[in-house]
Amino acid sequence: MKKIFILTGEPSGDKLASTVISKLKLQNPNIQYLSVGGTNIKKLGIKSIFDLNEITYLGFTSVLINIFKIRNIINKTVDEIIKFNPDILFSVDSPDFTLRVAEKVKKINNKIKTIHYVAPQVWIWRKNRVKKIKKFIDHMLLLFGFEKKYFDEENIKNTFVGHPLIEKNEKVKTQLNDLISKDKNIISIFPGSRKSETSVLLPILLNFVKLMNKKNHSYSYVFHATDENKESIVNQVNKTDLDNIDVVSDENIKSQILSNSIFAVSKSGTVSLQISSSNIPSIIIYKLNFINFMIFKFLVNVKFANIINIINDREVIPELLQNECNAKEIYRTVIYFLKNPELIKKQLEDCRKTLEGIKSKTSSSNETATILNNYLIA
């Protein structure tokens, strides 16, 4: 039986990987799996050698603080992969973790094919990483067509497969009468998947809801959580006197809630593509501690945080970062959009055009699954 080790480093990668593997299981049911994954991978009946929370770190300073623990986890992961002896190491996103593991694995066992999904954003910073990646990655799977030139330059085998978060998947309809009220419009809120993100953004977002309620109590707010952080978010919400907030983590329910929303406030990240593909207007927020922000600002090569804005080289979706990421600014921006439907219409049209340019011919997850299967049967 052929073997694949699935290597993720955070909940978003776990979600992407599970989408691919669910398709691969349909193409080829005779594959043995082991992983570093989260709840989505585990739902497919695949064991994870670590709890994903153990390796989910954010920012330069937190990496430095946990450097020995991270190094230990990397080495243990390498040992488990070598012991499992897979035909393919399928790494997904989180390059500071997954690519370090892949490099070590390749040095020990060159026969293991290393396929990485979600290319590191060399177009934002550390472009020289491509030269190093060439030594240990057999195939790079790209979410965006414009990334291709960076890997072609170094003759790294690569395929543009598109982004799975903008695929239109058929969802099972669920009755959501308790969450979707005819009396209140829904504003979806995405506070992040990492504990280090929610610890910073959640207090700000709860204060934003308080400001909204003072002016208008006719909105309902749904916080989109992961299975890993739902309990923590619920606990924080319960400490407030806010009575128009719900927290959901089920992917099917989240998708339906988003589709029924009139607006979204989201932390910067790939989830913004899912919001845009659902044709929901939004704003982007993010905040790093001062040291991380200064390092990031010094190293990055782009003006924007959001991929839609980066592709267009202009602010299609408003970004409230650092000092602007506060309850008052979020409130002002959301209210301004809600009062100006022509701005919403313009944003949605610009996003639609942008998404058309980054869709794969068929399906990102299907194409990725096919590439993995082709390596197994070659």
Protein backbone atom coordinates (compact mmCIF):
# COMPACT_ATOMS: atom_id res chain seq x y z
CA MET A 1 0.00 0.00 0.00
CA LYS A 2 1.27 3.47 -0.90
CA LYS A 3 1.85 5.98 1.90
CA ILE A 4 1.44 9.75 2.27
CA PHE A 5 2.48 11.84 5.24
CA ILE A 6 0.41 15.05 5.47
CA LEU A 7 2.27 17.93 7.11
CA THR A 8 0.41 21.07 8.21
CA GLY A 9 1.28 23.80 10.70
CA GLU A 10 -1.96 25.64 11.47
CA PRO A 11 -5.76 25.29 11.13
CA SER A 12 -5.98 26.96 7.71
CA GLY A 13 -3.46 24.47 6.29
CA ASP A 14 -5.31 21.62 7.97
CA LYS A 15 -8.49 22.74 6.20
CA LEU A 16 -6.78 23.00 2.80
CA ALA A 17 -5.11 19.62 3.18
CA SER A 18 -8.35 17.89 4.21
CA THR A 19 -10.11 19.20 1.10
CA VAL A 20 -7.42 17.69 -1.10
CA ILE A 21 -7.21 14.37 0.75
CA SER A 22 -11.00 13.90 0.66
CA LYS A 23 -10.76 14.13 -3.15
CA LEU A 24 -7.71 11.85 -3.26
CA LYS A 25 -9.54 9.21 -1.24
CA LEU A 26 -12.15 9.10 -4.01
CA GLN A 27 -9.47 8.71 -6.70
CA ASN A 28 -7.43 6.15 -4.79
CA PRO A 29 -8.79 4.52 -1.62
CA ASN A 30 -5.71 2.32 -1.15
CA ILE A 31 -3.43 4.84 0.53
CA GLN A 32 -2.12 4.77 4.09
CA TYR A 33 -1.85 8.15 5.85
CA LEU A 34 -0.19 9.72 8.86
CA SER A 35 -0.10 13.42 9.62
CA VAL A 36 0.61 16.49 11.61
CA GLY A 37 -2.91 17.83 11.30
CA GLY A 38 -5.92 19.30 13.07
CA THR A 39 -9.61 18.53 13.38
CA ASN A 40 -10.31 18.51 9.63
CA ILE A 41 -7.64 15.88 8.92
CA LYS A 42 -8.75 13.84 11.94
CA LYS A 43 -12.35 13.85 10.66
CA LEU A 44 -11.04 11.90 7.66
CA GLY A 45 -9.87 9.18 10.04
CA ILE A 46 -6.19 10.15 9.79
CA LYS A 47 -4.03 10.09 12.92
CA SER A 48 -1.94 13.15 13.85
CA ILE A 49 1.32 12.67 15.72
CA PHE A 50 0.93 16.06 17.45
CA ASP A 51 -1.85 18.33 18.60
CA LEU A 52 -1.76 21.14 16.00
CA ASN A 53 -1.89 23.75 18.77
CA GLU A 54 1.59 22.65 19.87
CA ILE A 55 3.16 24.03 16.70
CA THR A 56 0.97 27.02 15.91
CA TYR A 57 3.14 30.04 16.59
CA LEU A 58 2.85 33.56 15.20
CA GLY A 59 5.48 36.27 14.74
CA PHE A 60 9.22 36.52 15.05
CA THR A 61 9.37 37.18 18.78
CA SER A 62 7.24 34.18 19.73
CA VAL A 63 9.40 31.96 17.52
CA LEU A 64 12.52 33.22 19.31
CA ILE A 65 10.94 32.60 22.71
CA ASN A 66 9.97 29.05 21.73
CA ILE A 67 12.99 28.29 19.56
CA PHE A 68 14.10 25.16 21.46
CA LYS A 69 10.59 23.74 21.66
CA ILE A 70 10.06 24.34 17.93
CA ARG A 71 13.39 22.73 17.08
CA ASN A 72 12.46 19.72 19.20
CA ILE A 73 9.07 19.36 17.46
CA ILE A 74 10.71 19.66 14.03
CA ASN A 75 13.20 16.91 14.89
CA LYS A 76 10.48 14.65 16.32
CA THR A 77 8.35 15.19 13.22
CA VAL A 78 11.29 14.29 10.95
CA ASP A 79 11.91 11.13 12.99
CA GLU A 80 8.24 10.06 12.66
CA ILE A 81 8.21 10.71 8.91
CA ILE A 82 11.39 8.70 8.36
CA LYS A 83 9.95 5.89 10.49
CA PHE A 84 6.66 5.95 8.51
CA ASN A 85 8.68 5.95 5.26
CA PRO A 86 6.02 7.52 3.00
CA ASP A 87 6.11 7.63 -0.78
CA ILE A 88 5.10 11.31 -0.57
CA LEU A 89 5.58 14.01 2.02
CA PHE A 90 2.67 16.35 1.30
CA SER A 91 3.37 19.62 3.09
CA VAL A 92 0.81 22.41 3.19
CA ASP A 93 1.50 26.10 3.87
CA SER A 94 3.25 27.21 7.15
CA PRO A 95 6.65 27.28 5.38
CA ASP A 96 8.70 28.18 8.46
CA PHE A 97 7.68 24.82 9.92
CA THR A 98 6.79 22.53 7.02
CA LEU A 99 9.70 23.41 4.72
CA ARG A 100 12.22 23.02 7.52
CA VAL A 101 10.86 19.53 8.11
CA ALA A 102 10.86 18.75 4.37
CA GLU A 103 14.49 19.86 4.01
CA LYS A 104 15.64 17.57 6.82
CA VAL A 105 13.59 14.64 5.52
CA LYS A 106 15.01 14.99 2.01
CA LYS A 107 18.58 14.94 3.35
CA ILE A 108 17.91 11.69 5.20
CA ASN A 109 15.81 9.93 2.55
CA ASN A 110 16.05 11.35 -0.95
CA LYS A 111 13.56 8.78 -2.29
CA ILE A 112 10.61 10.42 -0.51
CA LYS A 113 8.88 12.76 -2.97
CA THR A 114 8.31 16.18 -1.42
CA ILE A 115 5.26 18.04 -2.73
CA HIS A 116 4.39 21.40 -1.21
CA TYR A 117 0.94 23.01 -1.50
CA VAL A 118 0.67 26.81 -1.05
CA ALA A 119 3.97 28.31 -2.12
CA PRO A 120 5.78 30.52 0.38
CA GLN A 121 5.06 34.14 -0.48
CA VAL A 122 8.44 34.93 -2.01
CA TRP A 123 6.81 37.83 -3.86
CA ILE A 124 6.29 39.50 -0.47
CA TRP A 125 9.67 38.82 1.15
CA ARG A 126 12.75 36.57 1.27
CA LYS A 127 12.83 35.97 -2.49
CA ASN A 128 16.16 34.14 -2.12
CA ARG A 129 14.31 31.27 -0.40
CA VAL A 130 13.51 29.91 -3.87
CA LYS A 131 17.14 28.93 -4.48
CA LYS A 132 17.18 26.95 -1.24
CA ILE A 133 13.77 25.36 -1.84
CA LYS A 134 15.06 23.99 -5.15
CA LYS A 135 17.30 21.57 -3.24
CA PHE A 136 14.57 19.68 -1.41
CA ILE A 137 11.12 20.26 -2.99
CA ASP A 138 10.20 18.04 -5.95
CA HIS A 139 6.97 19.82 -6.91
CA MET A 140 5.50 23.17 -5.85
CA LEU A 141 1.72 23.63 -6.15
CA LEU A 142 0.72 27.26 -6.65
CA LEU A 143 -2.49 29.00 -5.64
CA PHE A 144 -1.85 32.04 -7.84
CA GLY A 145 -0.74 32.18 -11.47
CA PHE A 146 1.57 35.16 -10.98
CA GLU A 147 3.75 33.06 -8.61
CA LYS A 148 4.87 30.81 -11.47
CA LYS A 149 7.67 33.06 -12.73
CA TYR A 150 9.52 32.94 -9.39
CA PHE A 151 9.79 29.15 -9.50
CA ASP A 152 10.30 28.89 -13.25
CA GLU A 153 13.39 31.09 -12.87
CA GLU A 154 15.00 28.41 -10.69
CA ASN A 155 13.64 25.48 -12.75
CA ILE A 156 11.57 24.19 -9.86
CA LYS A 157 8.78 21.93 -11.06
CA ASN A 158 5.53 23.76 -10.33
CA THR A 159 1.84 23.71 -11.22
CA PHE A 160 -0.75 26.44 -10.85
CA VAL A 161 -3.76 24.68 -9.30
CA GLY A 162 -5.79 27.69 -8.15
CA HIS A 163 -7.20 28.43 -4.71
CA PRO A 164 -9.63 25.95 -3.11
CA LEU A 165 -11.27 28.62 -0.94
CA ILE A 166 -12.89 30.14 -4.03
CA GLU A 167 -14.36 26.84 -5.24
CA LYS A 168 -18.12 26.63 -5.19
CA ASN A 169 -18.82 23.48 -3.22
CA GLU A 170 -22.29 22.07 -2.80
CA LYS A 171 -23.14 22.24 0.89
CA VAL A 172 -25.83 20.34 2.73
CA LYS A 173 -28.46 22.89 3.69
CA THR A 174 -29.08 23.10 7.42
CA GLN A 175 -31.94 24.82 9.21
CA LEU A 176 -30.37 27.82 10.95
CA ASN A 177 -33.44 29.56 12.32
CA ASP A 178 -31.71 30.11 15.67
CA LEU A 179 -28.86 32.00 13.98
CA ILE A 180 -30.50 33.55 10.94
CA SER A 181 -33.25 35.89 12.06
CA LYS A 182 -35.51 37.79 9.69
CA ASP A 183 -35.45 40.68 12.16
CA LYS A 184 -31.69 41.18 12.21
CA ASN A 185 -29.04 41.49 9.52
CA ILE A 186 -25.92 39.38 10.09
CA ILE A 187 -22.37 40.72 10.22
CA SER A 188 -19.83 37.89 10.05
CA ILE A 189 -16.64 38.31 12.06
CA PHE A 190 -13.42 36.33 11.53
CA PRO A 191 -11.08 36.86 14.53
CA GLY A 192 -8.36 34.44 13.36
CA SER A 193 -7.47 30.80 13.91
CA ARG A 194 -4.37 31.20 16.05
CA LYS A 195 -4.52 31.90 19.77
CA SER A 196 -1.98 34.70 19.31
CA GLU A 197 -4.32 36.35 16.78
CA THR A 198 -7.55 36.05 18.74
CA SER A 199 -5.92 37.23 21.97
CA VAL A 200 -5.17 40.54 20.25
CA LEU A 201 -8.16 40.91 17.91
CA LEU A 202 -11.04 39.51 19.97
CA PRO A 203 -11.12 42.33 22.59
CA ILE A 204 -11.05 44.89 19.78
CA LEU A 205 -13.88 43.15 17.92
CA LEU A 206 -16.04 42.84 21.04
CA ASN A 207 -15.62 46.59 21.65
CA PHE A 208 -16.60 47.17 18.02
CA VAL A 209 -19.84 45.24 18.60
CA LYS A 210 -20.50 47.33 21.72
CA LEU A 211 -20.11 50.54 19.68
CA MET A 212 -22.46 49.20 17.01
CA ASN A 213 -25.05 48.27 19.63
CA LYS A 214 -25.02 51.75 21.10
CA LYS A 215 -26.07 53.20 17.74
CA ASN A 216 -28.13 50.36 16.33
CA HIS A 217 -29.11 47.07 17.99
CA SER A 218 -30.66 45.62 14.83
CA TYR A 219 -27.60 43.58 13.79
CA SER A 220 -26.62 40.04 14.74
CA TYR A 221 -22.91 39.17 14.94
CA VAL A 222 -21.57 35.70 14.22
CA PHE A 223 -17.95 34.93 15.09
CA HIS A 224 -16.44 32.30 12.78
CA ALA A 225 -14.19 30.08 14.90
CA THR A 226 -12.18 26.92 14.39
CA ASP A 227 -12.87 23.79 16.41
CA GLU A 228 -9.60 24.53 18.22
CA ASN A 229 -10.47 28.05 19.37
CA LYS A 230 -14.26 28.03 19.64
CA GLU A 231 -14.36 27.38 23.38
CA SER A 232 -11.89 30.19 24.08
CA ILE A 233 -13.92 32.67 22.02
CA VAL A 234 -17.20 31.59 23.65
CA ASN A 235 -15.65 32.11 27.09
CA GLN A 236 -14.58 35.65 26.17
CA VAL A 237 -18.00 36.49 24.73
CA ASN A 238 -19.71 35.15 27.87
CA LYS A 239 -17.75 37.60 30.00
CA THR A 240 -19.53 40.48 28.24
CA ASP A 241 -23.16 41.57 28.44
CA LEU A 242 -23.56 41.27 24.65
CA ASP A 243 -26.71 39.35 23.72
CA ASN A 244 -26.51 39.44 19.92
CA ILE A 245 -23.36 37.35 19.34
CA ASP A 246 -23.11 33.71 18.28
CA VAL A 247 -19.97 31.63 17.77
CA VAL A 248 -19.88 28.84 15.17
CA SER A 249 -17.16 26.42 14.06
CA ASP A 250 -18.94 23.92 11.82
CA GLU A 251 -17.73 24.58 8.25
CA ASN A 252 -21.12 23.96 6.66
CA ILE A 253 -22.87 26.31 9.08
CA LYS A 254 -20.17 28.96 8.70
CA SER A 255 -20.54 28.86 4.93
CA GLN A 256 -24.30 29.36 5.15
CA ILE A 257 -23.98 32.12 7.75
CA LEU A 258 -21.48 33.95 5.53
CA SER A 259 -23.76 33.66 2.50
CA ASN A 260 -26.57 35.22 4.52
CA SER A 261 -24.44 38.07 5.88
CA ILE A 262 -24.60 41.69 4.77
CA PHE A 263 -20.97 42.42 5.72
CA ALA A 264 -17.82 40.79 7.10
CA VAL A 265 -14.96 41.98 9.31
CA SER A 266 -12.00 39.67 8.86
CA LYS A 267 -8.46 39.29 10.04
CA SER A 268 -5.96 39.40 7.20
CA GLY A 269 -5.49 36.01 5.57
CA THR A 270 -6.78 33.57 2.98
CA VAL A 271 -10.27 33.62 4.48
CA SER A 272 -10.76 36.96 2.69
CA LEU A 273 -10.90 35.00 -0.59
CA GLN A 274 -13.73 32.88 0.76
CA ILE A 275 -15.58 36.02 1.83
CA SER A 276 -15.10 37.63 -1.59
CA SER A 277 -16.15 34.48 -3.44
CA SER A 278 -19.36 34.46 -1.37
CA ASN A 279 -20.01 37.96 -2.75
CA ILE A 280 -19.96 39.57 0.70
CA PRO A 281 -18.42 43.04 1.21
CA SER A 282 -15.74 43.26 3.87
CA ILE A 283 -12.89 45.05 5.56
CA ILE A 284 -9.56 43.58 6.70
CA ILE A 285 -8.00 44.06 10.13
CA TYR A 286 -4.71 42.98 11.67
CA LYS A 287 -2.38 43.89 14.50
CA LEU A 288 1.11 42.68 15.45
CA ASN A 289 3.15 43.66 18.46
CA PHE A 290 5.50 46.57 17.79
CA ILE A 291 8.70 44.54 17.36
CA ASN A 292 7.10 42.05 14.95
CA PHE A 293 5.52 44.88 12.97
CA MET A 294 8.82 46.77 12.56
CA ILE A 295 10.61 43.60 11.41
CA PHE A 296 7.77 42.79 9.02
CA LYS A 297 7.69 46.35 7.65
CA PHE A 298 11.44 46.27 7.05
CA LEU A 299 11.34 42.97 5.14
CA VAL A 300 8.17 43.06 3.02
CA ASN A 301 8.13 44.04 -0.65
CA VAL A 302 4.42 44.86 -1.01
CA LYS A 303 2.20 47.77 0.05
CA PHE A 304 -0.81 45.74 1.14
CA ALA A 305 -1.67 42.84 3.44
CA ASN A 306 -4.66 41.43 1.57
CA ILE A 307 -4.13 39.28 -1.54
CA ILE A 308 -6.97 40.97 -3.46
CA ASN A 309 -5.29 44.33 -2.88
CA ILE A 310 -1.84 42.96 -3.70
CA ILE A 311 -3.02 41.57 -7.04
CA ASN A 312 -4.70 44.88 -7.94
CA ASP A 313 -1.92 47.04 -6.42
CA ARG A 314 -4.60 49.21 -4.81
CA GLU A 315 -6.95 49.05 -1.86
CA VAL A 316 -10.02 47.23 -3.16
CA ILE A 317 -10.83 46.04 0.37
CA PRO A 318 -10.07 48.52 3.17
CA GLU A 319 -7.24 47.48 5.47
CA LEU A 320 -7.15 48.62 9.09
CA LEU A 321 -3.72 47.61 10.34
CA GLN A 322 -1.78 48.31 13.53
CA ASN A 323 -2.91 51.66 15.05
CA GLU A 324 -5.93 51.78 12.77
CA CYS A 325 -6.98 48.36 14.02
CA ASN A 326 -9.16 49.60 16.85
CA ALA A 327 -12.87 49.44 17.67
CA LYS A 328 -13.62 53.05 16.67
CA GLU A 329 -11.98 52.80 13.23
CA ILE A 330 -13.64 49.46 12.50
CA TYR A 331 -16.99 50.94 13.55
CA ARG A 332 -16.52 54.06 11.38
CA THR A 333 -15.48 52.05 8.33
CA VAL A 334 -18.28 49.49 8.58
CA ILE A 335 -20.92 52.19 9.07
CA TYR A 336 -19.51 54.18 6.15
CA PHE A 337 -19.86 51.17 3.84
CA LEU A 338 -23.32 50.25 5.06
CA LYS A 339 -24.47 53.81 4.39
CA ASN A 340 -22.93 53.85 0.89
CA PRO A 341 -24.19 50.88 -1.16
CA GLU A 342 -22.37 52.14 -4.26
CA LEU A 343 -19.05 51.46 -2.47
CA ILE A 344 -20.18 47.94 -1.68
CA LYS A 345 -21.21 47.37 -5.29
CA LYS A 346 -17.81 48.60 -6.55
CA GLN A 347 -15.87 46.40 -4.11
CA LEU A 348 -17.85 43.28 -5.02
CA GLU A 349 -17.39 43.87 -8.75
CA ASP A 350 -13.63 44.42 -8.38
CA CYS A 351 -13.35 41.27 -6.26
CA ARG A 352 -15.36 39.23 -8.77
CA LYS A 353 -13.01 40.24 -11.60
CA THR A 354 -9.96 39.45 -9.47
CA LEU A 355 -11.21 36.02 -8.46
CA GLU A 356 -11.91 35.11 -12.09
CA GLY A 357 -8.20 35.56 -12.74
CA ILE A 358 -7.05 33.15 -10.02
CA LYS A 359 -9.47 30.28 -10.52
CA SER A 360 -8.15 26.95 -11.77
CA LYS A 361 -9.63 25.35 -14.87
CA THR A 362 -11.40 22.65 -12.86
CA SER A 363 -10.89 22.52 -9.09
CA SER A 364 -7.77 23.23 -7.02
CA SER A 365 -8.35 20.30 -4.70
CA ASN A 366 -9.10 17.93 -7.60
CA GLU A 367 -6.02 19.00 -9.53
CA THR A 368 -3.82 18.67 -6.45
CA ALA A 369 -5.25 15.24 -5.64
CA THR A 370 -4.59 14.12 -9.23
CA ILE A 371 -0.96 15.29 -9.05
CA LEU A 372 -0.44 13.37 -5.79
CA ASN A 373 -2.03 10.25 -7.27
CA ASN A 374 0.08 10.49 -10.42
CA TYR A 375 3.24 10.42 -8.29
CA LEU A 376 1.96 7.31 -6.50
CA ILE A 377 1.19 5.36 -9.68
CA ALA A 378 4.22 6.53 -11.68
